[in-house]
Amino acid sequence: MNITPLLEFLTISSLAVLIILIVLLFTILLKGFALYRAARKESKGWFWIILIFSTFGILPLLYLIFSKKAS
């Protein structure tokens, strides 16, 4: 029995899980920081949009960039 394909699958799967966890952590941290800033600035519209839409950090990142320039 050749287990090489199984080992390759497990290696690829482990890498995929690691990448997904890193992206998930980045998204959660970025979303949390953006929600915090929106709440502190009383930006109710941005708060709800960021809370509802999950965009892998794109929307919170845009908000953080544009709200910093407005400060």
C-alpha atoms as a PDB file:
ATOM      1  CA  MET A   1       0.000   0.000   0.000  1.00  0.00           C
ATOM      2  CA  ASN A   2       1.402   3.359  -1.049  1.00  0.00           C
ATOM      3  CA  ILE A   3       0.649   6.113   1.506  1.00  0.00           C
ATOM      4  CA  THR A   4       2.432   8.913  -0.354  1.00  0.00           C
ATOM      5  CA  PRO A   5      -0.808  10.380  -1.843  1.00  0.00           C
ATOM      6  CA  LEU A   6      -2.367  10.367   1.633  1.00  0.00           C
ATOM      7  CA  LEU A   7       0.618  12.225   3.097  1.00  0.00           C
ATOM      8  CA  GLU A   8       0.492  14.788   0.278  1.00  0.00           C
ATOM      9  CA  PHE A   9      -3.238  15.314   0.914  1.00  0.00           C
ATOM     10  CA  LEU A  10      -2.671  15.793   4.635  1.00  0.00           C
ATOM     11  CA  THR A  11       0.133  18.294   3.999  1.00  0.00           C
ATOM     12  CA  ILE A  12      -1.993  20.320   1.584  1.00  0.00           C
ATOM     13  CA  SER A  13      -4.966  20.159   3.934  1.00  0.00           C
ATOM     14  CA  SER A  14      -2.882  21.353   6.879  1.00  0.00           C
ATOM     15  CA  LEU A  15      -1.583  24.274   4.851  1.00  0.00           C
ATOM     16  CA  ALA A  16      -5.106  25.174   3.720  1.00  0.00           C
ATOM     17  CA  VAL A  17      -6.384  25.091   7.300  1.00  0.00           C
ATOM     18  CA  LEU A  18      -3.501  27.304   8.429  1.00  0.00           C
ATOM     19  CA  ILE A  19      -4.193  29.844   5.676  1.00  0.00           C
ATOM     20  CA  ILE A  20      -7.919  29.866   6.495  1.00  0.00           C
ATOM     21  CA  LEU A  21      -7.191  30.413  10.190  1.00  0.00           C
ATOM     22  CA  ILE A  22      -4.818  33.304   9.444  1.00  0.00           C
ATOM     23  CA  VAL A  23      -7.367  34.968   7.139  1.00  0.00           C
ATOM     24  CA  LEU A  24     -10.113  34.423   9.714  1.00  0.00           C
ATOM     25  CA  LEU A  25      -8.027  35.939  12.503  1.00  0.00           C
ATOM     26  CA  PHE A  26      -7.104  38.933  10.321  1.00  0.00           C
ATOM     27  CA  THR A  27     -10.770  39.448   9.382  1.00  0.00           C
ATOM     28  CA  ILE A  28     -11.989  39.278  12.975  1.00  0.00           C
ATOM     29  CA  LEU A  29      -9.332  41.686  14.249  1.00  0.00           C
ATOM     30  CA  LEU A  30      -9.861  44.165  11.429  1.00  0.00           C
ATOM     31  CA  LYS A  31     -13.648  44.015  11.760  1.00  0.00           C
ATOM     32  CA  GLY A  32     -13.443  44.488  15.521  1.00  0.00           C
ATOM     33  CA  PHE A  33     -11.166  47.502  15.222  1.00  0.00           C
ATOM     34  CA  ALA A  34     -13.371  49.077  12.539  1.00  0.00           C
ATOM     35  CA  LEU A  35     -16.524  48.484  14.602  1.00  0.00           C
ATOM     36  CA  TYR A  36     -14.846  50.012  17.629  1.00  0.00           C
ATOM     37  CA  ARG A  37     -13.832  53.122  15.682  1.00  0.00           C
ATOM     38  CA  ALA A  38     -17.278  53.452  14.085  1.00  0.00           C
ATOM     39  CA  ALA A  39     -18.926  53.227  17.507  1.00  0.00           C
ATOM     40  CA  ARG A  40     -16.554  55.791  19.032  1.00  0.00           C
ATOM     41  CA  LYS A  41     -17.202  58.207  16.132  1.00  0.00           C
ATOM     42  CA  GLU A  42     -20.953  57.512  16.339  1.00  0.00           C
ATOM     43  CA  SER A  43     -21.036  56.402  12.690  1.00  0.00           C
ATOM     44  CA  LYS A  44     -24.189  54.298  12.979  1.00  0.00           C
ATOM     45  CA  GLY A  45     -24.483  53.646   9.254  1.00  0.00           C
ATOM     46  CA  TRP A  46     -20.909  52.380   8.933  1.00  0.00           C
ATOM     47  CA  PHE A  47     -21.280  50.357  12.125  1.00  0.00           C
ATOM     48  CA  TRP A  48     -24.273  48.419  10.812  1.00  0.00           C
ATOM     49  CA  ILE A  49     -22.839  47.957   7.322  1.00  0.00           C
ATOM     50  CA  ILE A  50     -19.568  46.571   8.702  1.00  0.00           C
ATOM     51  CA  LEU A  51     -21.416  44.385  11.206  1.00  0.00           C
ATOM     52  CA  ILE A  52     -23.774  42.850   8.619  1.00  0.00           C
ATOM     53  CA  PHE A  53     -21.515  42.402   5.601  1.00  0.00           C
ATOM     54  CA  SER A  54     -18.612  40.017   5.829  1.00  0.00           C
ATOM     55  CA  THR A  55     -16.082  40.927   3.133  1.00  0.00           C
ATOM     56  CA  PHE A  56     -12.844  39.307   4.342  1.00  0.00           C
ATOM     57  CA  GLY A  57     -11.643  42.573   5.797  1.00  0.00           C
ATOM     58  CA  ILE A  58     -12.105  44.727   2.693  1.00  0.00           C
ATOM     59  CA  LEU A  59     -14.966  46.890   3.997  1.00  0.00           C
ATOM     60  CA  PRO A  60     -13.482  47.391   7.499  1.00  0.00           C
ATOM     61  CA  LEU A  61     -10.115  48.240   5.943  1.00  0.00           C
ATOM     62  CA  LEU A  62     -11.705  50.840   3.660  1.00  0.00           C
ATOM     63  CA  TYR A  63     -13.547  52.370   6.595  1.00  0.00           C
ATOM     64  CA  LEU A  64     -10.384  52.535   8.701  1.00  0.00           C
ATOM     65  CA  ILE A  65      -8.465  54.194   5.875  1.00  0.00           C
ATOM     66  CA  PHE A  66     -11.124  56.773   5.041  1.00  0.00           C
ATOM     67  CA  SER A  67     -12.172  57.531   8.611  1.00  0.00           C
ATOM     68  CA  LYS A  68      -8.570  58.197   9.594  1.00  0.00           C
ATOM     69  CA  LYS A  69      -8.227  60.903   6.945  1.00  0.00           C
ATOM     70  CA  ALA A  70     -11.467  62.536   8.114  1.00  0.00           C
ATOM     71  CA  SER A  71     -10.232  62.800  11.715  1.00  0.00           C
END
